Amino acid sequence: FSGFFQFYAVPDGKVALITRSALRSLLTDLNEIPAIVGESCTLSCVEIATHDCFHGVLNSAIVEEKFLSWLRSEPAVLLWLPTCYRLSATEMVSHQARCR
């Protein structure tokens, strides 16, 4: 997730920040993946997730720590991502068991 943050973040002195619009773009882009198999998210899902991430934030952008903290709350808009990762990580695993 740090890579996603860094890709969409803007530098601000010694730190990188992600703005609301950049977060919207990130979430919209990520949700193109499930859309391929017909599991698309509505634009309102992205707006709700963006609002939740920036809840209590007075600035126009957040630091990576805040972004990662929000991700730990398992936002509904990204619930598919860990499952997709686990599936891809086990794709090449082989074992000696035989299925009947």
PDB file of N, CA and C in Angstrom:
ATOM      1  N   PHE A   1       0.821  -1.202   0.000  1.00  0.00           N
ATOM      2  CA  PHE A   1       0.000   0.000   0.000  1.00  0.00           C
ATOM      3  C   PHE A   1       0.862   1.262   0.000  1.00  0.00           C
ATOM      4  N   SER A   2       2.053   1.166   0.553  1.00  0.00           N
ATOM      5  CA  SER A   2       2.949   2.322   0.528  1.00  0.00           C
ATOM      6  C   SER A   2       3.272   2.726  -0.904  1.00  0.00           C
ATOM      7  N   GLY A   3       3.410   1.738  -1.763  1.00  0.00           N
ATOM      8  CA  GLY A   3       3.683   2.028  -3.169  1.00  0.00           C
ATOM      9  C   GLY A   3       2.553   2.801  -3.826  1.00  0.00           C
ATOM     10  N   PHE A   4       1.312   2.410  -3.517  1.00  0.00           N
ATOM     11  CA  PHE A   4       0.159   3.147  -4.038  1.00  0.00           C
ATOM     12  C   PHE A   4       0.197   4.588  -3.554  1.00  0.00           C
ATOM     13  N   PHE A   5       0.483   4.746  -2.262  1.00  0.00           N
ATOM     14  CA  PHE A   5       0.531   6.090  -1.691  1.00  0.00           C
ATOM     15  C   PHE A   5       1.588   6.925  -2.408  1.00  0.00           C
ATOM     16  N   GLN A   6       2.792   6.384  -2.530  1.00  0.00           N
ATOM     17  CA  GLN A   6       3.891   7.131  -3.141  1.00  0.00           C
ATOM     18  C   GLN A   6       3.596   7.491  -4.597  1.00  0.00           C
ATOM     19  N   PHE A   7       2.908   6.613  -5.306  1.00  0.00           N
ATOM     20  CA  PHE A   7       2.604   6.867  -6.709  1.00  0.00           C
ATOM     21  C   PHE A   7       1.637   8.038  -6.876  1.00  0.00           C
ATOM     22  N   TYR A   8       0.700   8.191  -5.943  1.00  0.00           N
ATOM     23  CA  TYR A   8      -0.320   9.238  -6.058  1.00  0.00           C
ATOM     24  C   TYR A   8      -0.021  10.466  -5.194  1.00  0.00           C
ATOM     25  N   ALA A   9       0.984  10.384  -4.351  1.00  0.00           N
ATOM     26  CA  ALA A   9       1.291  11.476  -3.427  1.00  0.00           C
ATOM     27  C   ALA A   9       2.049  12.603  -4.122  1.00  0.00           C
ATOM     28  N   VAL A  10       1.992  13.755  -3.479  1.00  0.00           N
ATOM     29  CA  VAL A  10       2.764  14.909  -3.942  1.00  0.00           C
ATOM     30  C   VAL A  10       3.776  15.259  -2.856  1.00  0.00           C
ATOM     31  N   PRO A  11       4.995  15.618  -3.239  1.00  0.00           N
ATOM     32  CA  PRO A  11       5.995  15.983  -2.234  1.00  0.00           C
ATOM     33  C   PRO A  11       5.662  17.324  -1.585  1.00  0.00           C
ATOM     34  N   ASP A  12       5.905  17.390  -0.291  1.00  0.00           N
ATOM     35  CA  ASP A  12       5.704  18.633   0.457  1.00  0.00           C
ATOM     36  C   ASP A  12       6.852  18.756   1.450  1.00  0.00           C
ATOM     37  N   GLY A  13       7.951  19.304   0.979  1.00  0.00           N
ATOM     38  CA  GLY A  13       9.138  19.376   1.822  1.00  0.00           C
ATOM     39  C   GLY A  13       9.732  17.986   1.997  1.00  0.00           C
ATOM     40  N   LYS A  14       9.850  17.546   3.258  1.00  0.00           N
ATOM     41  CA  LYS A  14      10.444  16.240   3.547  1.00  0.00           C
ATOM     42  C   LYS A  14       9.421  15.113   3.591  1.00  0.00           C
ATOM     43  N   VAL A  15       8.155  15.432   3.444  1.00  0.00           N
ATOM     44  CA  VAL A  15       7.114  14.398   3.490  1.00  0.00           C
ATOM     45  C   VAL A  15       6.338  14.371   2.178  1.00  0.00           C
ATOM     46  N   ALA A  16       5.650  13.279   1.982  1.00  0.00           N
ATOM     47  CA  ALA A  16       4.745  13.163   0.837  1.00  0.00           C
ATOM     48  C   ALA A  16       3.322  13.184   1.374  1.00  0.00           C
ATOM     49  N   LEU A  17       2.438  13.813   0.633  1.00  0.00           N
ATOM     50  CA  LEU A  17       1.038  13.926   1.036  1.00  0.00           C
ATOM     51  C   LEU A  17       0.147  13.441  -0.094  1.00  0.00           C
ATOM     52  N   ILE A  18      -1.020  12.935   0.274  1.00  0.00           N
ATOM     53  CA  ILE A  18      -2.005  12.569  -0.735  1.00  0.00           C
ATOM     54  C   ILE A  18      -3.241  13.431  -0.511  1.00  0.00           C
ATOM     55  N   THR A  19      -3.683  14.063  -1.566  1.00  0.00           N
ATOM     56  CA  THR A  19      -4.849  14.947  -1.491  1.00  0.00           C
ATOM     57  C   THR A  19      -6.128  14.128  -1.654  1.00  0.00           C
ATOM     58  N   ARG A  20      -7.250  14.778  -1.377  1.00  0.00           N
ATOM     59  CA  ARG A  20      -8.545  14.115  -1.564  1.00  0.00           C
ATOM     60  C   ARG A  20      -8.730  13.685  -3.021  1.00  0.00           C
ATOM     61  N   SER A  21      -8.394  14.564  -3.939  1.00  0.00           N
ATOM     62  CA  SER A  21      -8.596  14.215  -5.352  1.00  0.00           C
ATOM     63  C   SER A  21      -7.652  13.094  -5.778  1.00  0.00           C
ATOM     64  N   ALA A  22      -6.433  13.084  -5.248  1.00  0.00           N
ATOM     65  CA  ALA A  22      -5.501  12.002  -5.573  1.00  0.00           C
ATOM     66  C   ALA A  22      -5.996  10.680  -4.989  1.00  0.00           C
ATOM     67  N   LEU A  23      -6.562  10.719  -3.782  1.00  0.00           N
ATOM     68  CA  LEU A  23      -7.120   9.502  -3.193  1.00  0.00           C
ATOM     69  C   LEU A  23      -8.304   9.004  -4.019  1.00  0.00           C
ATOM     70  N   ARG A  24      -9.147   9.922  -4.461  1.00  0.00           N
ATOM     71  CA  ARG A  24     -10.265   9.541  -5.343  1.00  0.00           C
ATOM     72  C   ARG A  24      -9.742   8.852  -6.609  1.00  0.00           C
ATOM     73  N   SER A  25      -8.697   9.416  -7.188  1.00  0.00           N
ATOM     74  CA  SER A  25      -8.101   8.825  -8.396  1.00  0.00           C
ATOM     75  C   SER A  25      -7.538   7.439  -8.105  1.00  0.00           C
ATOM     76  N   LEU A  26      -6.843   7.304  -6.990  1.00  0.00           N
ATOM     77  CA  LEU A  26      -6.281   6.014  -6.599  1.00  0.00           C
ATOM     78  C   LEU A  26      -7.384   4.969  -6.450  1.00  0.00           C
ATOM     79  N   LEU A  27      -8.430   5.304  -5.704  1.00  0.00           N
ATOM     80  CA  LEU A  27      -9.520   4.354  -5.474  1.00  0.00           C
ATOM     81  C   LEU A  27     -10.267   4.028  -6.762  1.00  0.00           C
ATOM     82  N   THR A  28     -10.473   5.027  -7.593  1.00  0.00           N
ATOM     83  CA  THR A  28     -11.141   4.802  -8.878  1.00  0.00           C
ATOM     84  C   THR A  28     -10.303   3.884  -9.759  1.00  0.00           C
ATOM     85  N   ASP A  29      -9.002   4.139  -9.805  1.00  0.00           N
ATOM     86  CA  ASP A  29      -8.114   3.301 -10.613  1.00  0.00           C
ATOM     87  C   ASP A  29      -8.072   1.866 -10.089  1.00  0.00           C
ATOM     88  N   LEU A  30      -7.962   1.704  -8.768  1.00  0.00           N
ATOM     89  CA  LEU A  30      -7.924   0.360  -8.191  1.00  0.00           C
ATOM     90  C   LEU A  30      -9.215  -0.403  -8.458  1.00  0.00           C
ATOM     91  N   ASN A  31     -10.321   0.294  -8.481  1.00  0.00           N
ATOM     92  CA  ASN A  31     -11.599  -0.374  -8.687  1.00  0.00           C
ATOM     93  C   ASN A  31     -11.871  -0.721 -10.143  1.00  0.00           C
ATOM     94  N   GLU A  32     -10.935  -0.398 -11.024  1.00  0.00           N
ATOM     95  CA  GLU A  32     -11.026  -0.880 -12.399  1.00  0.00           C
ATOM     96  C   GLU A  32     -10.741  -2.385 -12.447  1.00  0.00           C
ATOM     97  N   ILE A  33      -9.980  -2.877 -11.485  1.00  0.00           N
ATOM     98  CA  ILE A  33      -9.614  -4.304 -11.478  1.00  0.00           C
ATOM     99  C   ILE A  33     -10.840  -5.190 -11.259  1.00  0.00           C
ATOM    100  N   PRO A  34     -11.620  -5.003 -10.179  1.00  0.00           N
ATOM    101  CA  PRO A  34     -12.816  -5.849 -10.042  1.00  0.00           C
ATOM    102  C   PRO A  34     -13.865  -5.568 -11.119  1.00  0.00           C
ATOM    103  N   ALA A  35     -13.830  -4.396 -11.700  1.00  0.00           N
ATOM    104  CA  ALA A  35     -14.790  -4.075 -12.763  1.00  0.00           C
ATOM    105  C   ALA A  35     -14.601  -4.989 -13.973  1.00  0.00           C
ATOM    106  N   ILE A  36     -13.388  -5.479 -14.159  1.00  0.00           N
ATOM    107  CA  ILE A  36     -13.098  -6.380 -15.279  1.00  0.00           C
ATOM    108  C   ILE A  36     -13.954  -7.644 -15.196  1.00  0.00           C
ATOM    109  N   VAL A  37     -14.221  -8.096 -13.970  1.00  0.00           N
ATOM    110  CA  VAL A  37     -15.029  -9.313 -13.791  1.00  0.00           C
ATOM    111  C   VAL A  37     -16.463  -8.987 -13.384  1.00  0.00           C
ATOM    112  N   GLY A  38     -16.855  -7.751 -13.604  1.00  0.00           N
ATOM    113  CA  GLY A  38     -18.241  -7.364 -13.354  1.00  0.00           C
ATOM    114  C   GLY A  38     -18.572  -6.998 -11.927  1.00  0.00           C
ATOM    115  N   GLU A  39     -17.579  -6.806 -11.095  1.00  0.00           N
ATOM    116  CA  GLU A  39     -17.795  -6.432  -9.696  1.00  0.00           C
ATOM    117  C   GLU A  39     -17.381  -4.982  -9.488  1.00  0.00           C
ATOM    118  N   SER A  40     -18.079  -4.094 -10.117  1.00  0.00           N
ATOM    119  CA  SER A  40     -17.683  -2.691 -10.041  1.00  0.00           C
ATOM    120  C   SER A  40     -18.255  -2.015  -8.806  1.00  0.00           C
ATOM    121  N   CYS A  41     -17.607  -0.975  -8.413  1.00  0.00           N
ATOM    122  CA  CYS A  41     -18.021  -0.144  -7.289  1.00  0.00           C
ATOM    123  C   CYS A  41     -18.579   1.151  -7.861  1.00  0.00           C
ATOM    124  N   THR A  42     -19.592   1.669  -7.227  1.00  0.00           N
ATOM    125  CA  THR A  42     -20.160   2.926  -7.705  1.00  0.00           C
ATOM    126  C   THR A  42     -19.277   4.091  -7.297  1.00  0.00           C
ATOM    127  N   LEU A  43     -19.478   5.203  -7.942  1.00  0.00           N
ATOM    128  CA  LEU A  43     -18.731   6.407  -7.603  1.00  0.00           C
ATOM    129  C   LEU A  43     -18.996   6.811  -6.162  1.00  0.00           C
ATOM    130  N   SER A  44     -20.192   6.537  -5.657  1.00  0.00           N
ATOM    131  CA  SER A  44     -20.505   6.895  -4.270  1.00  0.00           C
ATOM    132  C   SER A  44     -19.653   6.099  -3.291  1.00  0.00           C
ATOM    133  N   CYS A  45     -19.281   4.867  -3.632  1.00  0.00           N
ATOM    134  CA  CYS A  45     -18.389   4.075  -2.772  1.00  0.00           C
ATOM    135  C   CYS A  45     -17.042   4.780  -2.610  1.00  0.00           C
ATOM    136  N   VAL A  46     -16.541   5.297  -3.707  1.00  0.00           N
ATOM    137  CA  VAL A  46     -15.262   6.009  -3.681  1.00  0.00           C
ATOM    138  C   VAL A  46     -15.394   7.285  -2.860  1.00  0.00           C
ATOM    139  N   GLU A  47     -16.485   8.010  -3.021  1.00  0.00           N
ATOM    140  CA  GLU A  47     -16.697   9.247  -2.261  1.00  0.00           C
ATOM    141  C   GLU A  47     -16.811   8.967  -0.768  1.00  0.00           C
ATOM    142  N   ILE A  48     -17.537   7.921  -0.404  1.00  0.00           N
ATOM    143  CA  ILE A  48     -17.687   7.557   1.008  1.00  0.00           C
ATOM    144  C   ILE A  48     -16.332   7.174   1.595  1.00  0.00           C
ATOM    145  N   ALA A  49     -15.559   6.386   0.856  1.00  0.00           N
ATOM    146  CA  ALA A  49     -14.241   5.977   1.328  1.00  0.00           C
ATOM    147  C   ALA A  49     -13.316   7.184   1.491  1.00  0.00           C
ATOM    148  N   THR A  50     -13.357   8.101   0.554  1.00  0.00           N
ATOM    149  CA  THR A  50     -12.537   9.310   0.642  1.00  0.00           C
ATOM    150  C   THR A  50     -12.935  10.133   1.859  1.00  0.00           C
ATOM    151  N   HIS A  51     -14.224  10.286   2.068  1.00  0.00           N
ATOM    152  CA  HIS A  51     -14.724  11.030   3.232  1.00  0.00           C
ATOM    153  C   HIS A  51     -14.271  10.357   4.529  1.00  0.00           C
ATOM    154  N   ASP A  52     -14.362   9.029   4.589  1.00  0.00           N
ATOM    155  CA  ASP A  52     -13.940   8.299   5.786  1.00  0.00           C
ATOM    156  C   ASP A  52     -12.449   8.475   6.050  1.00  0.00           C
ATOM    157  N   CYS A  53     -11.650   8.425   5.006  1.00  0.00           N
ATOM    158  CA  CYS A  53     -10.203   8.571   5.165  1.00  0.00           C
ATOM    159  C   CYS A  53      -9.840   9.950   5.704  1.00  0.00           C
ATOM    160  N   PHE A  54     -10.553  10.959   5.260  1.00  0.00           N
ATOM    161  CA  PHE A  54     -10.255  12.335   5.668  1.00  0.00           C
ATOM    162  C   PHE A  54     -11.089  12.789   6.871  1.00  0.00           C
ATOM    163  N   HIS A  55     -11.800  11.858   7.508  1.00  0.00           N
ATOM    164  CA  HIS A  55     -12.613  12.206   8.676  1.00  0.00           C
ATOM    165  C   HIS A  55     -11.729  12.805   9.775  1.00  0.00           C
ATOM    166  N   GLY A  56     -12.090  13.965  10.236  1.00  0.00           N
ATOM    167  CA  GLY A  56     -11.341  14.643  11.289  1.00  0.00           C
ATOM    168  C   GLY A  56     -10.088  15.356  10.818  1.00  0.00           C
ATOM    169  N   VAL A  57      -9.844  15.369   9.525  1.00  0.00           N
ATOM    170  CA  VAL A  57      -8.655  16.018   8.962  1.00  0.00           C
ATOM    171  C   VAL A  57      -9.046  17.403   8.479  1.00  0.00           C
ATOM    172  N   LEU A  58      -8.321  18.405   8.942  1.00  0.00           N
ATOM    173  CA  LEU A  58      -8.622  19.779   8.549  1.00  0.00           C
ATOM    174  C   LEU A  58      -7.837  20.223   7.323  1.00  0.00           C
ATOM    175  N   ASN A  59      -6.750  19.539   7.038  1.00  0.00           N
ATOM    176  CA  ASN A  59      -5.913  19.902   5.891  1.00  0.00           C
ATOM    177  C   ASN A  59      -6.476  19.316   4.602  1.00  0.00           C
ATOM    178  N   SER A  60      -5.927  19.759   3.497  1.00  0.00           N
ATOM    179  CA  SER A  60      -6.386  19.265   2.193  1.00  0.00           C
ATOM    180  C   SER A  60      -5.685  17.978   1.780  1.00  0.00           C
ATOM    181  N   ALA A  61      -4.708  17.532   2.570  1.00  0.00           N
ATOM    182  CA  ALA A  61      -3.956  16.325   2.245  1.00  0.00           C
ATOM    183  C   ALA A  61      -3.548  15.616   3.535  1.00  0.00           C
ATOM    184  N   ILE A  62      -3.225  14.334   3.413  1.00  0.00           N
ATOM    185  CA  ILE A  62      -2.810  13.551   4.578  1.00  0.00           C
ATOM    186  C   ILE A  62      -1.447  12.918   4.325  1.00  0.00           C
ATOM    187  N   VAL A  63      -0.781  12.563   5.419  1.00  0.00           N
ATOM    188  CA  VAL A  63       0.513  11.891   5.341  1.00  0.00           C
ATOM    189  C   VAL A  63       0.284  10.388   5.198  1.00  0.00           C
ATOM    190  N   GLU A  64       1.342   9.682   4.884  1.00  0.00           N
ATOM    191  CA  GLU A  64       1.246   8.243   4.647  1.00  0.00           C
ATOM    192  C   GLU A  64       0.754   7.486   5.878  1.00  0.00           C
ATOM    193  N   GLU A  65       1.177   7.889   7.065  1.00  0.00           N
ATOM    194  CA  GLU A  65       0.746   7.208   8.294  1.00  0.00           C
ATOM    195  C   GLU A  65      -0.771   7.216   8.432  1.00  0.00           C
ATOM    196  N   LYS A  66      -1.391   8.349   8.157  1.00  0.00           N
ATOM    197  CA  LYS A  66      -2.848   8.462   8.240  1.00  0.00           C
ATOM    198  C   LYS A  66      -3.504   7.568   7.185  1.00  0.00           C
ATOM    199  N   PHE A  67      -2.957   7.552   5.999  1.00  0.00           N
ATOM    200  CA  PHE A  67      -3.463   6.714   4.914  1.00  0.00           C
ATOM    201  C   PHE A  67      -3.401   5.238   5.298  1.00  0.00           C
ATOM    202  N   LEU A  68      -2.254   4.796   5.815  1.00  0.00           N
ATOM    203  CA  LEU A  68      -2.091   3.399   6.207  1.00  0.00           C
ATOM    204  C   LEU A  68      -2.991   3.043   7.385  1.00  0.00           C
ATOM    205  N   SER A  69      -3.162   3.971   8.303  1.00  0.00           N
ATOM    206  CA  SER A  69      -4.072   3.755   9.433  1.00  0.00           C
ATOM    207  C   SER A  69      -5.494   3.539   8.931  1.00  0.00           C
ATOM    208  N   TRP A  70      -5.915   4.340   7.974  1.00  0.00           N
ATOM    209  CA  TRP A  70      -7.243   4.192   7.387  1.00  0.00           C
ATOM    210  C   TRP A  70      -7.376   2.837   6.693  1.00  0.00           C
ATOM    211  N   LEU A  71      -6.339   2.399   6.004  1.00  0.00           N
ATOM    212  CA  LEU A  71      -6.386   1.099   5.329  1.00  0.00           C
ATOM    213  C   LEU A  71      -6.536  -0.047   6.321  1.00  0.00           C
ATOM    214  N   ARG A  72      -5.942   0.093   7.509  1.00  0.00           N
ATOM    215  CA  ARG A  72      -6.078  -0.945   8.534  1.00  0.00           C
ATOM    216  C   ARG A  72      -7.517  -1.091   9.012  1.00  0.00           C
ATOM    217  N   SER A  73      -8.335  -0.077   8.798  1.00  0.00           N
ATOM    218  CA  SER A  73      -9.749  -0.166   9.179  1.00  0.00           C
ATOM    219  C   SER A  73     -10.554  -0.968   8.150  1.00  0.00           C
ATOM    220  N   GLU A  74      -9.881  -1.481   7.134  1.00  0.00           N
ATOM    221  CA  GLU A  74     -10.474  -2.294   6.077  1.00  0.00           C
ATOM    222  C   GLU A  74     -11.662  -1.615   5.399  1.00  0.00           C
ATOM    223  N   PRO A  75     -11.400  -0.526   4.684  1.00  0.00           N
ATOM    224  CA  PRO A  75     -12.494   0.164   3.987  1.00  0.00           C
ATOM    225  C   PRO A  75     -13.182  -0.766   2.989  1.00  0.00           C
ATOM    226  N   ALA A  76     -14.500  -0.700   2.971  1.00  0.00           N
ATOM    227  CA  ALA A  76     -15.297  -1.603   2.133  1.00  0.00           C
ATOM    228  C   ALA A  76     -14.921  -1.530   0.658  1.00  0.00           C
ATOM    229  N   VAL A  77     -14.533  -0.362   0.210  1.00  0.00           N
ATOM    230  CA  VAL A  77     -14.218  -0.176  -1.207  1.00  0.00           C
ATOM    231  C   VAL A  77     -13.007  -1.017  -1.642  1.00  0.00           C
ATOM    232  N   LEU A  78     -12.178  -1.440  -0.679  1.00  0.00           N
ATOM    233  CA  LEU A  78     -10.976  -2.210  -1.018  1.00  0.00           C
ATOM    234  C   LEU A  78     -10.963  -3.612  -0.415  1.00  0.00           C
ATOM    235  N   LEU A  79     -12.087  -4.122   0.034  1.00  0.00           N
ATOM    236  CA  LEU A  79     -12.107  -5.447   0.660  1.00  0.00           C
ATOM    237  C   LEU A  79     -11.661  -6.556  -0.286  1.00  0.00           C
ATOM    238  N   TRP A  80     -11.802  -6.354  -1.555  1.00  0.00           N
ATOM    239  CA  TRP A  80     -11.418  -7.361  -2.536  1.00  0.00           C
ATOM    240  C   TRP A  80      -9.907  -7.479  -2.695  1.00  0.00           C
ATOM    241  N   LEU A  81      -9.164  -6.431  -2.358  1.00  0.00           N
ATOM    242  CA  LEU A  81      -7.732  -6.394  -2.659  1.00  0.00           C
ATOM    243  C   LEU A  81      -6.917  -7.449  -1.899  1.00  0.00           C
ATOM    244  N   PRO A  82      -7.087  -7.621  -0.577  1.00  0.00           N
ATOM    245  CA  PRO A  82      -6.320  -8.673   0.109  1.00  0.00           C
ATOM    246  C   PRO A  82      -6.647 -10.077  -0.420  1.00  0.00           C
ATOM    247  N   THR A  83      -7.902 -10.307  -0.759  1.00  0.00           N
ATOM    248  CA  THR A  83      -8.298 -11.605  -1.304  1.00  0.00           C
ATOM    249  C   THR A  83      -7.611 -11.848  -2.642  1.00  0.00           C
ATOM    250  N   CYS A  84      -7.587 -10.845  -3.472  1.00  0.00           N
ATOM    251  CA  CYS A  84      -6.921 -10.945  -4.772  1.00  0.00           C
ATOM    252  C   CYS A  84      -5.430 -11.239  -4.586  1.00  0.00           C
ATOM    253  N   TYR A  85      -4.811 -10.581  -3.625  1.00  0.00           N
ATOM    254  CA  TYR A  85      -3.387 -10.808  -3.352  1.00  0.00           C
ATOM    255  C   TYR A  85      -3.154 -12.251  -2.902  1.00  0.00           C
ATOM    256  N   ARG A  86      -3.991 -12.736  -1.966  1.00  0.00           N
ATOM    257  CA  ARG A  86      -3.826 -14.106  -1.473  1.00  0.00           C
ATOM    258  C   ARG A  86      -4.014 -15.125  -2.599  1.00  0.00           C
ATOM    259  N   LEU A  87      -4.977 -14.883  -3.464  1.00  0.00           N
ATOM    260  CA  LEU A  87      -5.184 -15.790  -4.598  1.00  0.00           C
ATOM    261  C   LEU A  87      -3.974 -15.809  -5.523  1.00  0.00           C
ATOM    262  N   SER A  88      -3.432 -14.645  -5.814  1.00  0.00           N
ATOM    263  CA  SER A  88      -2.279 -14.592  -6.719  1.00  0.00           C
ATOM    264  C   SER A  88      -1.036 -15.192  -6.065  1.00  0.00           C
ATOM    265  N   ALA A  89      -0.911 -15.055  -4.736  1.00  0.00           N
ATOM    266  CA  ALA A  89       0.250 -15.601  -4.033  1.00  0.00           C
ATOM    267  C   ALA A  89       0.228 -17.128  -4.017  1.00  0.00           C
ATOM    268  N   THR A  90      -0.950 -17.729  -4.057  1.00  0.00           N
ATOM    269  CA  THR A  90      -1.052 -19.190  -4.009  1.00  0.00           C
ATOM    270  C   THR A  90      -1.247 -19.820  -5.382  1.00  0.00           C
ATOM    271  N   GLU A  91      -1.294 -19.022  -6.394  1.00  0.00           N
ATOM    272  CA  GLU A  91      -1.577 -19.511  -7.741  1.00  0.00           C
ATOM    273  C   GLU A  91      -0.590 -20.578  -8.211  1.00  0.00           C
ATOM    274  N   MET A  92       0.654 -20.437  -7.878  1.00  0.00           N
ATOM    275  CA  MET A  92       1.675 -21.359  -8.366  1.00  0.00           C
ATOM    276  C   MET A  92       2.041 -22.438  -7.343  1.00  0.00           C
ATOM    277  N   VAL A  93       1.336 -22.512  -6.227  1.00  0.00           N
ATOM    278  CA  VAL A  93       1.629 -23.510  -5.201  1.00  0.00           C
ATOM    279  C   VAL A  93       1.156 -24.876  -5.689  1.00  0.00           C
ATOM    280  N   SER A  94       2.001 -25.872  -5.512  1.00  0.00           N
ATOM    281  CA  SER A  94       1.590 -27.231  -5.867  1.00  0.00           C
ATOM    282  C   SER A  94       1.772 -28.130  -4.650  1.00  0.00           C
ATOM    283  N   HIS A  95       1.004 -29.193  -4.601  1.00  0.00           N
ATOM    284  CA  HIS A  95       1.086 -30.131  -3.488  1.00  0.00           C
ATOM    285  C   HIS A  95       0.814 -31.534  -4.016  1.00  0.00           C
ATOM    286  N   GLN A  96       1.072 -32.526  -3.196  1.00  0.00           N
ATOM    287  CA  GLN A  96       0.934 -33.916  -3.613  1.00  0.00           C
ATOM    288  C   GLN A  96      -0.474 -34.473  -3.410  1.00  0.00           C
ATOM    289  N   ALA A  97      -1.337 -33.748  -2.743  1.00  0.00           N
ATOM    290  CA  ALA A  97      -2.696 -34.245  -2.492  1.00  0.00           C
ATOM    291  C   ALA A  97      -3.471 -34.343  -3.800  1.00  0.00           C
ATOM    292  N   ARG A  98      -4.346 -35.335  -3.860  1.00  0.00           N
ATOM    293  CA  ARG A  98      -5.176 -35.501  -5.055  1.00  0.00           C
ATOM    294  C   ARG A  98      -6.622 -35.254  -4.678  1.00  0.00           C
ATOM    295  N   CYS A  99      -7.308 -34.516  -5.482  1.00  0.00           N
ATOM    296  CA  CYS A  99      -8.727 -34.242  -5.259  1.00  0.00           C
ATOM    297  C   CYS A  99      -9.555 -35.311  -5.953  1.00  0.00           C
ATOM    298  N   ARG A 100     -10.665 -35.654  -5.362  1.00  0.00           N
ATOM    299  CA  ARG A 100     -11.563 -36.643  -5.987  1.00  0.00           C
ATOM    300  C   ARG A 100     -12.798 -35.972  -6.473  1.00  0.00           C
TER     301      ARG A 100
END
